[in-house]
PDB file of N, CA and C in Angstrom:
ATOM      1  N   UNK A   1      15.150 -18.766  -1.882  1.00  0.00           N
ATOM      2  CA  UNK A   1      16.000 -18.003  -2.776  1.00  0.00           C
ATOM      3  C   UNK A   1      15.189 -17.099  -3.685  1.00  0.00           C
ATOM      4  N   UNK A   2      14.034 -17.603  -4.131  1.00  0.00           N
ATOM      5  CA  UNK A   2      13.229 -16.795  -5.037  1.00  0.00           C
ATOM      6  C   UNK A   2      12.621 -15.587  -4.345  1.00  0.00           C
ATOM      7  N   UNK A   3      12.236 -15.739  -3.080  1.00  0.00           N
ATOM      8  CA  UNK A   3      11.670 -14.607  -2.352  1.00  0.00           C
ATOM      9  C   UNK A   3      12.701 -13.502  -2.209  1.00  0.00           C
ATOM     10  N   UNK A   4      13.957 -13.877  -1.978  1.00  0.00           N
ATOM     11  CA  UNK A   4      15.017 -12.888  -1.873  1.00  0.00           C
ATOM     12  C   UNK A   4      15.235 -12.194  -3.211  1.00  0.00           C
ATOM     13  N   UNK A   5      15.185 -12.931  -4.285  1.00  0.00           N
ATOM     14  CA  UNK A   5      15.361 -12.355  -5.619  1.00  0.00           C
ATOM     15  C   UNK A   5      14.249 -11.361  -5.929  1.00  0.00           C
ATOM     16  N   UNK A   6      13.009 -11.698  -5.572  1.00  0.00           N
ATOM     17  CA  UNK A   6      11.892 -10.789  -5.821  1.00  0.00           C
ATOM     18  C   UNK A   6      12.023  -9.522  -4.995  1.00  0.00           C
ATOM     19  N   UNK A   7      12.445  -9.661  -3.742  1.00  0.00           N
ATOM     20  CA  UNK A   7      12.615  -8.481  -2.895  1.00  0.00           C
ATOM     21  C   UNK A   7      13.727  -7.589  -3.422  1.00  0.00           C
ATOM     22  N   UNK A   8      14.790  -8.184  -3.943  1.00  0.00           N
ATOM     23  CA  UNK A   8      15.902  -7.386  -4.465  1.00  0.00           C
ATOM     24  C   UNK A   8      15.498  -6.587  -5.697  1.00  0.00           C
ATOM     25  N   UNK A   9      14.720  -7.191  -6.589  1.00  0.00           N
ATOM     26  CA  UNK A   9      14.304  -6.447  -7.775  1.00  0.00           C
ATOM     27  C   UNK A   9      13.336  -5.339  -7.401  1.00  0.00           C
ATOM     28  N   UNK A  10      12.446  -5.579  -6.439  1.00  0.00           N
ATOM     29  CA  UNK A  10      11.539  -4.527  -5.984  1.00  0.00           C
ATOM     30  C   UNK A  10      12.325  -3.419  -5.309  1.00  0.00           C
ATOM     31  N   UNK A  11      13.310  -3.788  -4.505  1.00  0.00           N
ATOM     32  CA  UNK A  11      14.145  -2.795  -3.839  1.00  0.00           C
ATOM     33  C   UNK A  11      14.925  -1.966  -4.849  1.00  0.00           C
ATOM     34  N   UNK A  12      15.395  -2.597  -5.905  1.00  0.00           N
ATOM     35  CA  UNK A  12      16.131  -1.891  -6.948  1.00  0.00           C
ATOM     36  C   UNK A  12      15.257  -0.818  -7.601  1.00  0.00           C
ATOM     37  N   UNK A  13      14.031  -1.168  -7.949  1.00  0.00           N
ATOM     38  CA  UNK A  13      13.120  -0.202  -8.554  1.00  0.00           C
ATOM     39  C   UNK A  13      12.739   0.910  -7.598  1.00  0.00           C
ATOM     40  N   UNK A  14      12.552   0.574  -6.323  1.00  0.00           N
ATOM     41  CA  UNK A  14      12.200   1.577  -5.327  1.00  0.00           C
ATOM     42  C   UNK A  14      13.359   2.532  -5.083  1.00  0.00           C
ATOM     43  N   UNK A  15      14.546   2.013  -5.053  1.00  0.00           N
ATOM     44  CA  UNK A  15      15.733   2.859  -4.853  1.00  0.00           C
ATOM     45  C   UNK A  15      15.912   3.838  -6.018  1.00  0.00           C
ATOM     46  N   UNK A  16      15.769   3.339  -7.230  1.00  0.00           N
ATOM     47  CA  UNK A  16      15.890   4.215  -8.402  1.00  0.00           C
ATOM     48  C   UNK A  16      14.800   5.276  -8.436  1.00  0.00           C
ATOM     49  N   UNK A  17      13.567   4.881  -8.139  1.00  0.00           N
ATOM     50  CA  UNK A  17      12.459   5.839  -8.123  1.00  0.00           C
ATOM     51  C   UNK A  17      12.610   6.858  -7.012  1.00  0.00           C
ATOM     52  N   UNK A  18      13.099   6.424  -5.857  1.00  0.00           N
ATOM     53  CA  UNK A  18      13.329   7.363  -4.751  1.00  0.00           C
ATOM     54  C   UNK A  18      14.392   8.394  -5.087  1.00  0.00           C
ATOM     55  N   UNK A  19      15.398   7.972  -5.809  1.00  0.00           N
ATOM     56  CA  UNK A  19      16.441   8.900  -6.238  1.00  0.00           C
ATOM     57  C   UNK A  19      15.874   9.942  -7.201  1.00  0.00           C
ATOM     58  N   UNK A  20      15.028   9.497  -8.125  1.00  0.00           N
ATOM     59  CA  UNK A  20      14.396  10.427  -9.065  1.00  0.00           C
ATOM     60  C   UNK A  20      13.524  11.428  -8.306  1.00  0.00           C
ATOM     61  N   UNK A  21      12.763  10.943  -7.324  1.00  0.00           N
ATOM     62  CA  UNK A  21      11.921  11.849  -6.533  1.00  0.00           C
ATOM     63  C   UNK A  21      12.778  12.914  -5.866  1.00  0.00           C
ATOM     64  N   UNK A  22      13.834  12.491  -5.205  1.00  0.00           N
ATOM     65  CA  UNK A  22      14.685  13.438  -4.496  1.00  0.00           C
ATOM     66  C   UNK A  22      15.262  14.488  -5.443  1.00  0.00           C
ATOM     67  N   UNK A  23      15.808  14.043  -6.553  1.00  0.00           N
ATOM     68  CA  UNK A  23      16.460  14.978  -7.472  1.00  0.00           C
ATOM     69  C   UNK A  23      15.468  15.934  -8.127  1.00  0.00           C
ATOM     70  N   UNK A  24      14.421  15.390  -8.741  1.00  0.00           N
ATOM     71  CA  UNK A  24      13.486  16.252  -9.468  1.00  0.00           C
ATOM     72  C   UNK A  24      12.790  17.250  -8.557  1.00  0.00           C
ATOM     73  N   UNK A  25      12.322  16.779  -7.416  1.00  0.00           N
ATOM     74  CA  UNK A  25      11.587  17.666  -6.517  1.00  0.00           C
ATOM     75  C   UNK A  25      12.518  18.703  -5.897  1.00  0.00           C
ATOM     76  N   UNK A  26      13.730  18.318  -5.551  1.00  0.00           N
ATOM     77  CA  UNK A  26      14.650  19.307  -4.984  1.00  0.00           C
ATOM     78  C   UNK A  26      15.061  20.342  -6.030  1.00  0.00           C
ATOM     79  N   UNK A  27      15.277  19.926  -7.275  1.00  0.00           N
ATOM     80  CA  UNK A  27      15.595  20.896  -8.323  1.00  0.00           C
ATOM     81  C   UNK A  27      14.441  21.851  -8.548  1.00  0.00           C
ATOM     82  N   UNK A  28      13.221  21.343  -8.563  1.00  0.00           N
ATOM     83  CA  UNK A  28      12.062  22.201  -8.791  1.00  0.00           C
ATOM     84  C   UNK A  28      11.832  23.138  -7.606  1.00  0.00           C
ATOM     85  N   UNK A  29      12.023  22.638  -6.405  1.00  0.00           N
ATOM     86  CA  UNK A  29      11.792  23.468  -5.218  1.00  0.00           C
ATOM     87  C   UNK A  29      12.819  24.594  -5.103  1.00  0.00           C
ATOM     88  N   UNK A  30      14.039  24.322  -5.514  1.00  0.00           N
ATOM     89  CA  UNK A  30      15.097  25.333  -5.426  1.00  0.00           C
ATOM     90  C   UNK A  30      15.178  26.206  -6.668  1.00  0.00           C
ATOM     91  N   UNK A  31      14.381  25.907  -7.677  1.00  0.00           N
ATOM     92  CA  UNK A  31      14.421  26.683  -8.910  1.00  0.00           C
ATOM     93  C   UNK A  31      15.615  26.357  -9.785  1.00  0.00           C
ATOM     94  N   UNK A  32      16.165  25.162  -9.653  1.00  0.00           N
ATOM     95  CA  UNK A  32      17.360  24.776 -10.402  1.00  0.00           C
ATOM     96  C   UNK A  32      17.076  23.951 -11.646  1.00  0.00           C
ATOM     97  N   UNK A  33      15.836  23.803 -12.026  1.00  0.00           N
ATOM     98  CA  UNK A  33      15.548  22.997 -13.224  1.00  0.00           C
ATOM     99  C   UNK A  33      16.194  23.599 -14.468  1.00  0.00           C
ATOM    100  N   UNK A  34      16.164  24.901 -14.582  1.00  0.00           N
ATOM    101  CA  UNK A  34      16.757  25.521 -15.771  1.00  0.00           C
ATOM    102  C   UNK A  34      18.268  25.325 -15.804  1.00  0.00           C
ATOM    103  N   UNK A  35      18.886  25.230 -14.648  1.00  0.00           N
ATOM    104  CA  UNK A  35      20.328  25.017 -14.608  1.00  0.00           C
ATOM    105  C   UNK A  35      20.681  23.544 -14.853  1.00  0.00           C
ATOM    106  N   UNK A  36      19.845  22.630 -14.372  1.00  0.00           N
ATOM    107  CA  UNK A  36      20.139  21.204 -14.492  1.00  0.00           C
ATOM    108  C   UNK A  36      19.665  20.603 -15.817  1.00  0.00           C
ATOM    109  N   UNK A  37      18.462  20.994 -16.253  1.00  0.00           N
ATOM    110  CA  UNK A  37      17.880  20.414 -17.460  1.00  0.00           C
ATOM    111  C   UNK A  37      18.189  21.270 -18.688  1.00  0.00           C
ATOM    112  N   UNK A  38      18.442  22.531 -18.494  1.00  0.00           N
ATOM    113  CA  UNK A  38      18.838  23.503 -19.516  1.00  0.00           C
ATOM    114  C   UNK A  38      17.691  23.973 -20.403  1.00  0.00           C
ATOM    115  N   UNK A  39      16.806  23.084 -20.813  1.00  0.00           N
ATOM    116  CA  UNK A  39      15.724  23.457 -21.714  1.00  0.00           C
ATOM    117  C   UNK A  39      14.536  22.529 -21.450  1.00  0.00           C
ATOM    118  N   UNK A  40      13.313  23.061 -21.418  1.00  0.00           N
ATOM    119  CA  UNK A  40      12.159  22.179 -21.199  1.00  0.00           C
ATOM    120  C   UNK A  40      12.028  21.086 -22.258  1.00  0.00           C
ATOM    121  N   UNK A  41      12.492  21.347 -23.458  1.00  0.00           N
ATOM    122  CA  UNK A  41      12.408  20.342 -24.519  1.00  0.00           C
ATOM    123  C   UNK A  41      13.295  19.132 -24.234  1.00  0.00           C
ATOM    124  N   UNK A  42      14.270  19.263 -23.352  1.00  0.00           N
ATOM    125  CA  UNK A  42      15.129  18.133 -23.002  1.00  0.00           C
ATOM    126  C   UNK A  42      14.385  17.073 -22.196  1.00  0.00           C
ATOM    127  N   UNK A  43      13.236  17.421 -21.628  1.00  0.00           N
ATOM    128  CA  UNK A  43      12.456  16.436 -20.887  1.00  0.00           C
ATOM    129  C   UNK A  43      11.637  15.535 -21.814  1.00  0.00           C
ATOM    130  N   UNK A  44      11.392  15.981 -23.014  1.00  0.00           N
ATOM    131  CA  UNK A  44      10.612  15.173 -23.953  1.00  0.00           C
ATOM    132  C   UNK A  44      11.344  13.911 -24.404  1.00  0.00           C
ATOM    133  N   UNK A  45      12.657  13.958 -24.676  1.00  0.00           N
ATOM    134  CA  UNK A  45      13.355  12.691 -24.944  1.00  0.00           C
ATOM    135  C   UNK A  45      13.357  11.757 -23.728  1.00  0.00           C
ATOM    136  N   UNK A  46      13.373  12.320 -22.531  1.00  0.00           N
ATOM    137  CA  UNK A  46      13.283  11.479 -21.329  1.00  0.00           C
ATOM    138  C   UNK A  46      11.944  10.755 -21.284  1.00  0.00           C
ATOM    139  N   UNK A  47      10.892  11.435 -21.717  1.00  0.00           N
ATOM    140  CA  UNK A  47       9.581  10.809 -21.778  1.00  0.00           C
ATOM    141  C   UNK A  47       9.573   9.694 -22.816  1.00  0.00           C
ATOM    142  N   UNK A  48      10.169   9.937 -23.960  1.00  0.00           N
ATOM    143  CA  UNK A  48      10.237   8.913 -25.002  1.00  0.00           C
ATOM    144  C   UNK A  48      11.059   7.711 -24.546  1.00  0.00           C
ATOM    145  N   UNK A  49      12.142   7.952 -23.843  1.00  0.00           N
ATOM    146  CA  UNK A  49      12.967   6.862 -23.329  1.00  0.00           C
ATOM    147  C   UNK A  49      12.205   6.080 -22.266  1.00  0.00           C
ATOM    148  N   UNK A  50      11.427   6.795 -21.444  1.00  0.00           N
ATOM    149  CA  UNK A  50      10.639   6.113 -20.412  1.00  0.00           C
ATOM    150  C   UNK A  50       9.660   5.131 -21.045  1.00  0.00           C
ATOM    151  N   UNK A  51       9.015   5.542 -22.121  1.00  0.00           N
ATOM    152  CA  UNK A  51       8.071   4.652 -22.788  1.00  0.00           C
ATOM    153  C   UNK A  51       8.812   3.619 -23.642  1.00  0.00           C
ATOM    154  N   UNK A  52       9.791   4.068 -24.413  1.00  0.00           N
ATOM    155  CA  UNK A  52      10.490   3.180 -25.341  1.00  0.00           C
ATOM    156  C   UNK A  52      11.292   2.084 -24.663  1.00  0.00           C
ATOM    157  N   UNK A  53      11.908   2.389 -23.543  1.00  0.00           N
ATOM    158  CA  UNK A  53      12.666   1.373 -22.818  1.00  0.00           C
ATOM    159  C   UNK A  53      11.879   0.792 -21.651  1.00  0.00           C
ATOM    160  N   UNK A  54      10.937   1.562 -21.149  1.00  0.00           N
ATOM    161  CA  UNK A  54      10.169   1.114 -19.991  1.00  0.00           C
ATOM    162  C   UNK A  54       9.215  -0.014 -20.298  1.00  0.00           C
ATOM    163  N   UNK A  55       8.567   0.037 -21.444  1.00  0.00           N
ATOM    164  CA  UNK A  55       7.622  -1.027 -21.781  1.00  0.00           C
ATOM    165  C   UNK A  55       8.315  -2.372 -22.012  1.00  0.00           C
ATOM    166  N   UNK A  56       9.410  -2.427 -22.776  1.00  0.00           N
ATOM    167  CA  UNK A  56      10.105  -3.723 -22.865  1.00  0.00           C
ATOM    168  C   UNK A  56      10.691  -4.174 -21.525  1.00  0.00           C
ATOM    169  N   UNK A  57      11.152  -3.225 -20.720  1.00  0.00           N
ATOM    170  CA  UNK A  57      11.668  -3.599 -19.400  1.00  0.00           C
ATOM    171  C   UNK A  57      10.547  -4.103 -18.499  1.00  0.00           C
ATOM    172  N   UNK A  58       9.347  -3.555 -18.683  1.00  0.00           N
ATOM    173  CA  UNK A  58       8.203  -4.020 -17.893  1.00  0.00           C
ATOM    174  C   UNK A  58       7.868  -5.468 -18.212  1.00  0.00           C
ATOM    175  N   UNK A  59       8.128  -5.888 -19.425  1.00  0.00           N
ATOM    176  CA  UNK A  59       7.903  -7.292 -19.775  1.00  0.00           C
ATOM    177  C   UNK A  59       8.949  -8.199 -19.131  1.00  0.00           C
ATOM    178  N   UNK A  60      10.165  -7.720 -19.066  1.00  0.00           N
ATOM    179  CA  UNK A  60      11.251  -8.551 -18.540  1.00  0.00           C
ATOM    180  C   UNK A  60      11.347  -8.498 -17.015  1.00  0.00           C
ATOM    181  N   UNK A  61      11.197  -7.315 -16.437  1.00  0.00           N
ATOM    182  CA  UNK A  61      11.365  -7.132 -14.985  1.00  0.00           C
ATOM    183  C   UNK A  61      10.204  -6.339 -14.395  1.00  0.00           C
ATOM    184  N   UNK A  62       9.003  -6.883 -14.372  1.00  0.00           N
ATOM    185  CA  UNK A  62       7.868  -6.095 -13.915  1.00  0.00           C
ATOM    186  C   UNK A  62       7.973  -5.662 -12.456  1.00  0.00           C
ATOM    187  N   UNK A  63       8.601  -6.442 -11.621  1.00  0.00           N
ATOM    188  CA  UNK A  63       8.695  -6.083 -10.201  1.00  0.00           C
ATOM    189  C   UNK A  63       9.669  -4.935  -9.957  1.00  0.00           C
ATOM    190  N   UNK A  64      10.650  -4.768 -10.791  1.00  0.00           N
ATOM    191  CA  UNK A  64      11.580  -3.650 -10.642  1.00  0.00           C
ATOM    192  C   UNK A  64      11.053  -2.403 -11.325  1.00  0.00           C
ATOM    193  N   UNK A  65      10.387  -2.560 -12.445  1.00  0.00           N
ATOM    194  CA  UNK A  65       9.927  -1.419 -13.229  1.00  0.00           C
ATOM    195  C   UNK A  65       8.722  -0.744 -12.583  1.00  0.00           C
ATOM    196  N   UNK A  66       7.848  -1.516 -11.967  1.00  0.00           N
ATOM    197  CA  UNK A  66       6.617  -0.967 -11.408  1.00  0.00           C
ATOM    198  C   UNK A  66       6.884   0.128 -10.372  1.00  0.00           C
ATOM    199  N   UNK A  67       7.667  -0.110  -9.297  1.00  0.00           N
ATOM    200  CA  UNK A  67       7.894   0.984  -8.351  1.00  0.00           C
ATOM    201  C   UNK A  67       8.693   2.127  -8.958  1.00  0.00           C
ATOM    202  N   UNK A  68       9.641   1.807  -9.829  1.00  0.00           N
ATOM    203  CA  UNK A  68      10.421   2.866 -10.460  1.00  0.00           C
ATOM    204  C   UNK A  68       9.527   3.782 -11.284  1.00  0.00           C
ATOM    205  N   UNK A  69       8.642   3.196 -12.086  1.00  0.00           N
ATOM    206  CA  UNK A  69       7.784   3.994 -12.961  1.00  0.00           C
ATOM    207  C   UNK A  69       6.802   4.837 -12.159  1.00  0.00           C
ATOM    208  N   UNK A  70       6.173   4.249 -11.154  1.00  0.00           N
ATOM    209  CA  UNK A  70       5.205   5.007 -10.376  1.00  0.00           C
ATOM    210  C   UNK A  70       5.869   6.085  -9.518  1.00  0.00           C
ATOM    211  N   UNK A  71       7.038   5.821  -8.980  1.00  0.00           N
ATOM    212  CA  UNK A  71       7.741   6.855  -8.218  1.00  0.00           C
ATOM    213  C   UNK A  71       8.243   7.969  -9.130  1.00  0.00           C
ATOM    214  N   UNK A  72       8.658   7.622 -10.333  1.00  0.00           N
ATOM    215  CA  UNK A  72       9.041   8.649 -11.303  1.00  0.00           C
ATOM    216  C   UNK A  72       7.841   9.508 -11.683  1.00  0.00           C
ATOM    217  N   UNK A  73       6.686   8.881 -11.853  1.00  0.00           N
ATOM    218  CA  UNK A  73       5.467   9.634 -12.161  1.00  0.00           C
ATOM    219  C   UNK A  73       5.106  10.568 -11.017  1.00  0.00           C
ATOM    220  N   UNK A  74       5.223  10.098  -9.786  1.00  0.00           N
ATOM    221  CA  UNK A  74       4.929  10.948  -8.635  1.00  0.00           C
ATOM    222  C   UNK A  74       5.912  12.114  -8.545  1.00  0.00           C
ATOM    223  N   UNK A  75       7.181  11.837  -8.825  1.00  0.00           N
ATOM    224  CA  UNK A  75       8.196  12.893  -8.781  1.00  0.00           C
ATOM    225  C   UNK A  75       7.939  13.949  -9.851  1.00  0.00           C
ATOM    226  N   UNK A  76       7.617  13.498 -11.058  1.00  0.00           N
ATOM    227  CA  UNK A  76       7.371  14.450 -12.145  1.00  0.00           C
ATOM    228  C   UNK A  76       6.114  15.275 -11.867  1.00  0.00           C
ATOM    229  N   UNK A  77       5.083  14.659 -11.309  1.00  0.00           N
ATOM    230  CA  UNK A  77       3.861  15.396 -10.989  1.00  0.00           C
ATOM    231  C   UNK A  77       4.124  16.419  -9.883  1.00  0.00           C
ATOM    232  N   UNK A  78       4.862  16.030  -8.867  1.00  0.00           N
ATOM    233  CA  UNK A  78       5.185  16.962  -7.786  1.00  0.00           C
ATOM    234  C   UNK A  78       6.068  18.102  -8.287  1.00  0.00           C
ATOM    235  N   UNK A  79       7.055  17.773  -9.090  1.00  0.00           N
ATOM    236  CA  UNK A  79       7.935  18.815  -9.644  1.00  0.00           C
ATOM    237  C   UNK A  79       7.156  19.744 -10.563  1.00  0.00           C
ATOM    238  N   UNK A  80       6.191  19.199 -11.301  1.00  0.00           N
ATOM    239  CA  UNK A  80       5.361  20.030 -12.168  1.00  0.00           C
ATOM    240  C   UNK A  80       4.545  21.023 -11.347  1.00  0.00           C
ATOM    241  N   UNK A  81       3.991  20.562 -10.247  1.00  0.00           N
ATOM    242  CA  UNK A  81       3.250  21.468  -9.372  1.00  0.00           C
ATOM    243  C   UNK A  81       4.133  22.556  -8.786  1.00  0.00           C
ATOM    244  N   UNK A  82       5.359  22.204  -8.440  1.00  0.00           N
ATOM    245  CA  UNK A  82       6.280  23.204  -7.909  1.00  0.00           C
ATOM    246  C   UNK A  82       6.701  24.209  -8.970  1.00  0.00           C
ATOM    247  N   UNK A  83       6.853  23.772 -10.197  1.00  0.00           N
ATOM    248  CA  UNK A  83       7.253  24.711 -11.248  1.00  0.00           C
ATOM    249  C   UNK A  83       6.123  25.662 -11.599  1.00  0.00           C
ATOM    250  N   UNK A  84       4.881  25.193 -11.517  1.00  0.00           N
ATOM    251  CA  UNK A  84       3.753  26.081 -11.808  1.00  0.00           C
ATOM    252  C   UNK A  84       3.661  27.172 -10.759  1.00  0.00           C
ATOM    253  N   UNK A  85       3.893  26.816  -9.498  1.00  0.00           N
ATOM    254  CA  UNK A  85       3.793  27.824  -8.442  1.00  0.00           C
ATOM    255  C   UNK A  85       5.048  28.696  -8.362  1.00  0.00           C
ATOM    256  N   UNK A  86       6.122  28.293  -8.998  1.00  0.00           N
ATOM    257  CA  UNK A  86       7.357  29.069  -8.978  1.00  0.00           C
ATOM    258  C   UNK A  86       7.525  29.882 -10.245  1.00  0.00           C
ATOM    259  N   UNK A  87       8.771  30.073 -10.622  1.00  0.00           N
ATOM    260  CA  UNK A  87       9.071  30.900 -11.790  1.00  0.00           C
ATOM    261  C   UNK A  87       9.533  30.081 -12.996  1.00  0.00           C
ATOM    262  N   UNK A  88       9.227  28.799 -13.029  1.00  0.00           N
ATOM    263  CA  UNK A  88       9.677  27.937 -14.120  1.00  0.00           C
ATOM    264  C   UNK A  88       8.495  27.247 -14.788  1.00  0.00           C
ATOM    265  N   UNK A  89       7.493  28.026 -15.182  1.00  0.00           N
ATOM    266  CA  UNK A  89       6.271  27.466 -15.748  1.00  0.00           C
ATOM    267  C   UNK A  89       6.503  26.699 -17.046  1.00  0.00           C
ATOM    268  N   UNK A  90       7.561  26.986 -17.761  1.00  0.00           N
ATOM    269  CA  UNK A  90       7.817  26.309 -19.037  1.00  0.00           C
ATOM    270  C   UNK A  90       8.096  24.819 -18.858  1.00  0.00           C
ATOM    271  N   UNK A  91       8.472  24.407 -17.663  1.00  0.00           N
ATOM    272  CA  UNK A  91       8.785  23.001 -17.408  1.00  0.00           C
ATOM    273  C   UNK A  91       7.567  22.184 -17.004  1.00  0.00           C
ATOM    274  N   UNK A  92       6.424  22.829 -16.778  1.00  0.00           N
ATOM    275  CA  UNK A  92       5.249  22.132 -16.246  1.00  0.00           C
ATOM    276  C   UNK A  92       4.714  21.075 -17.216  1.00  0.00           C
ATOM    277  N   UNK A  93       4.512  21.434 -18.466  1.00  0.00           N
ATOM    278  CA  UNK A  93       3.925  20.484 -19.425  1.00  0.00           C
ATOM    279  C   UNK A  93       4.864  19.308 -19.717  1.00  0.00           C
ATOM    280  N   UNK A  94       6.160  19.526 -19.953  1.00  0.00           N
ATOM    281  CA  UNK A  94       7.030  18.360 -20.143  1.00  0.00           C
ATOM    282  C   UNK A  94       7.087  17.440 -18.917  1.00  0.00           C
ATOM    283  N   UNK A  95       6.995  18.020 -17.717  1.00  0.00           N
ATOM    284  CA  UNK A  95       7.000  17.185 -16.520  1.00  0.00           C
ATOM    285  C   UNK A  95       5.707  16.391 -16.393  1.00  0.00           C
ATOM    286  N   UNK A  96       4.585  16.991 -16.800  1.00  0.00           N
ATOM    287  CA  UNK A  96       3.325  16.260 -16.788  1.00  0.00           C
ATOM    288  C   UNK A  96       3.373  15.109 -17.799  1.00  0.00           C
ATOM    289  N   UNK A  97       3.998  15.335 -18.960  1.00  0.00           N
ATOM    290  CA  UNK A  97       4.111  14.253 -19.940  1.00  0.00           C
ATOM    291  C   UNK A  97       5.006  13.129 -19.404  1.00  0.00           C
ATOM    292  N   UNK A  98       6.047  13.470 -18.658  1.00  0.00           N
ATOM    293  CA  UNK A  98       6.886  12.448 -18.032  1.00  0.00           C
ATOM    294  C   UNK A  98       6.094  11.684 -16.972  1.00  0.00           C
ATOM    295  N   UNK A  99       5.258  12.387 -16.231  1.00  0.00           N
ATOM    296  CA  UNK A  99       4.407  11.720 -15.243  1.00  0.00           C
ATOM    297  C   UNK A  99       3.440  10.760 -15.930  1.00  0.00           C
ATOM    298  N   UNK A 100       2.861  11.190 -17.027  1.00  0.00           N
ATOM    299  CA  UNK A 100       1.951  10.317 -17.775  1.00  0.00           C
ATOM    300  C   UNK A 100       2.660   9.083 -18.309  1.00  0.00           C
ATOM    301  N   UNK A 101       3.870   9.265 -18.793  1.00  0.00           N
ATOM    302  CA  UNK A 101       4.644   8.113 -19.284  1.00  0.00           C
ATOM    303  C   UNK A 101       4.959   7.153 -18.143  1.00  0.00           C
ATOM    304  N   UNK A 102       5.265   7.691 -16.975  1.00  0.00           N
ATOM    305  CA  UNK A 102       5.522   6.835 -15.818  1.00  0.00           C
ATOM    306  C   UNK A 102       4.303   6.034 -15.411  1.00  0.00           C
ATOM    307  N   UNK A 103       3.133   6.659 -15.474  1.00  0.00           N
ATOM    308  CA  UNK A 103       1.902   5.948 -15.133  1.00  0.00           C
ATOM    309  C   UNK A 103       1.627   4.841 -16.151  1.00  0.00           C
ATOM    310  N   UNK A 104       1.825   5.135 -17.422  1.00  0.00           N
ATOM    311  CA  UNK A 104       1.591   4.118 -18.464  1.00  0.00           C
ATOM    312  C   UNK A 104       2.529   2.927 -18.281  1.00  0.00           C
ATOM    313  N   UNK A 105       3.792   3.194 -18.044  1.00  0.00           N
ATOM    314  CA  UNK A 105       4.765   2.111 -17.869  1.00  0.00           C
ATOM    315  C   UNK A 105       4.488   1.346 -16.569  1.00  0.00           C
ATOM    316  N   UNK A 106       4.142   2.060 -15.510  1.00  0.00           N
ATOM    317  CA  UNK A 106       3.816   1.391 -14.252  1.00  0.00           C
ATOM    318  C   UNK A 106       2.586   0.519 -14.372  1.00  0.00           C
ATOM    319  N   UNK A 107       1.567   1.022 -15.048  1.00  0.00           N
ATOM    320  CA  UNK A 107       0.356   0.238 -15.253  1.00  0.00           C
ATOM    321  C   UNK A 107       0.665  -1.002 -16.094  1.00  0.00           C
ATOM    322  N   UNK A 108       1.463  -0.830 -17.127  1.00  0.00           N
ATOM    323  CA  UNK A 108       1.826  -1.973 -17.975  1.00  0.00           C
ATOM    324  C   UNK A 108       2.604  -3.011 -17.173  1.00  0.00           C
ATOM    325  N   UNK A 109       3.495  -2.567 -16.308  1.00  0.00           N
ATOM    326  CA  UNK A 109       4.261  -3.534 -15.518  1.00  0.00           C
ATOM    327  C   UNK A 109       3.368  -4.245 -14.506  1.00  0.00           C
ATOM    328  N   UNK A 110       2.360  -3.554 -13.981  1.00  0.00           N
ATOM    329  CA  UNK A 110       1.398  -4.231 -13.106  1.00  0.00           C
ATOM    330  C   UNK A 110       0.635  -5.303 -13.870  1.00  0.00           C
ATOM    331  N   UNK A 111       0.156  -4.945 -15.037  1.00  0.00           N
ATOM    332  CA  UNK A 111      -0.605  -5.899 -15.842  1.00  0.00           C
ATOM    333  C   UNK A 111       0.269  -7.081 -16.282  1.00  0.00           C
ATOM    334  N   UNK A 112       1.484  -6.793 -16.703  1.00  0.00           N
ATOM    335  CA  UNK A 112       2.374  -7.864 -17.155  1.00  0.00           C
ATOM    336  C   UNK A 112       2.891  -8.697 -15.990  1.00  0.00           C
ATOM    337  N   UNK A 113       3.073  -8.077 -14.836  1.00  0.00           N
ATOM    338  CA  UNK A 113       3.525  -8.809 -13.664  1.00  0.00           C
ATOM    339  C   UNK A 113       2.489  -9.793 -13.170  1.00  0.00           C
ATOM    340  N   UNK A 114       1.224  -9.466 -13.337  1.00  0.00           N
ATOM    341  CA  UNK A 114       0.164 -10.383 -12.930  1.00  0.00           C
ATOM    342  C   UNK A 114       0.035 -11.555 -13.887  1.00  0.00           C
ATOM    343  N   UNK A 115       0.479 -11.385 -15.116  1.00  0.00           N
ATOM    344  CA  UNK A 115       0.409 -12.457 -16.105  1.00  0.00           C
ATOM    345  C   UNK A 115       1.613 -13.371 -16.084  1.00  0.00           C
ATOM    346  N   UNK A 116       2.675 -12.951 -15.433  1.00  0.00           N
ATOM    347  CA  UNK A 116       3.887 -13.748 -15.411  1.00  0.00           C
ATOM    348  C   UNK A 116       3.613 -15.078 -14.712  1.00  0.00           C
ATOM    349  N   UNK A 117       3.969 -16.115 -15.352  1.00  0.00           N
ATOM    350  CA  UNK A 117       3.719 -17.446 -14.797  1.00  0.00           C
ATOM    351  C   UNK A 117       4.753 -17.746 -13.712  1.00  0.00           C
ATOM    352  N   UNK A 118       4.265 -18.147 -12.574  1.00  0.00           N
ATOM    353  CA  UNK A 118       5.142 -18.479 -11.465  1.00  0.00           C
ATOM    354  C   UNK A 118       5.608 -19.942 -11.618  1.00  0.00           C
ATOM    355  N   UNK A 119       6.855 -20.196 -11.317  1.00  0.00           N
ATOM    356  CA  UNK A 119       7.345 -21.580 -11.413  1.00  0.00           C
ATOM    357  C   UNK A 119       6.693 -22.444 -10.336  1.00  0.00           C
ATOM    358  N   UNK A 120       6.458 -23.674 -10.696  1.00  0.00           N
ATOM    359  CA  UNK A 120       5.879 -24.609  -9.728  1.00  0.00           C
ATOM    360  C   UNK A 120       6.958 -25.080  -8.776  1.00  0.00           C
ATOM    361  N   UNK A 121       6.562 -25.214  -7.559  1.00  0.00           N
ATOM    362  CA  UNK A 121       7.496 -25.762  -6.571  1.00  0.00           C
ATOM    363  C   UNK A 121       6.943 -27.091  -6.096  1.00  0.00           C
ATOM    364  N   UNK A 122       7.803 -28.044  -5.994  1.00  0.00           N
ATOM    365  CA  UNK A 122       7.350 -29.358  -5.519  1.00  0.00           C
ATOM    366  C   UNK A 122       7.596 -29.439  -4.020  1.00  0.00           C
ATOM    367  N   UNK A 123       6.679 -30.052  -3.360  1.00  0.00           N
ATOM    368  CA  UNK A 123       6.780 -30.162  -1.898  1.00  0.00           C
ATOM    369  C   UNK A 123       7.524 -31.390  -1.464  1.00  0.00           C
TER     370      UNK A 123
END
């Protein structure tokens, strides 16, 4: 039962991170960031939320937060590269800050996940 629970939480984080990758990268590739996000400054509260809610969530659910955070970081970095090469350069720095926040939260969840005490099973 526990193995299934661990796989479900990892799958949950991977699914959420995959959705972020699809949305952010497709918006950046099509030049729709200005239409969807409206202002580059709107990405800065997302970065604050990633750190502010991500770190406590990393303590509670490290297996779900780790793939979500790292996939979000990859999506933001890829979208940042697409905006630099396109016509939306103003979004590059906020996306890089979101990528950095994702790496910090992912690293914290890795560190906290390794410290989580596993329950003993009797044979």
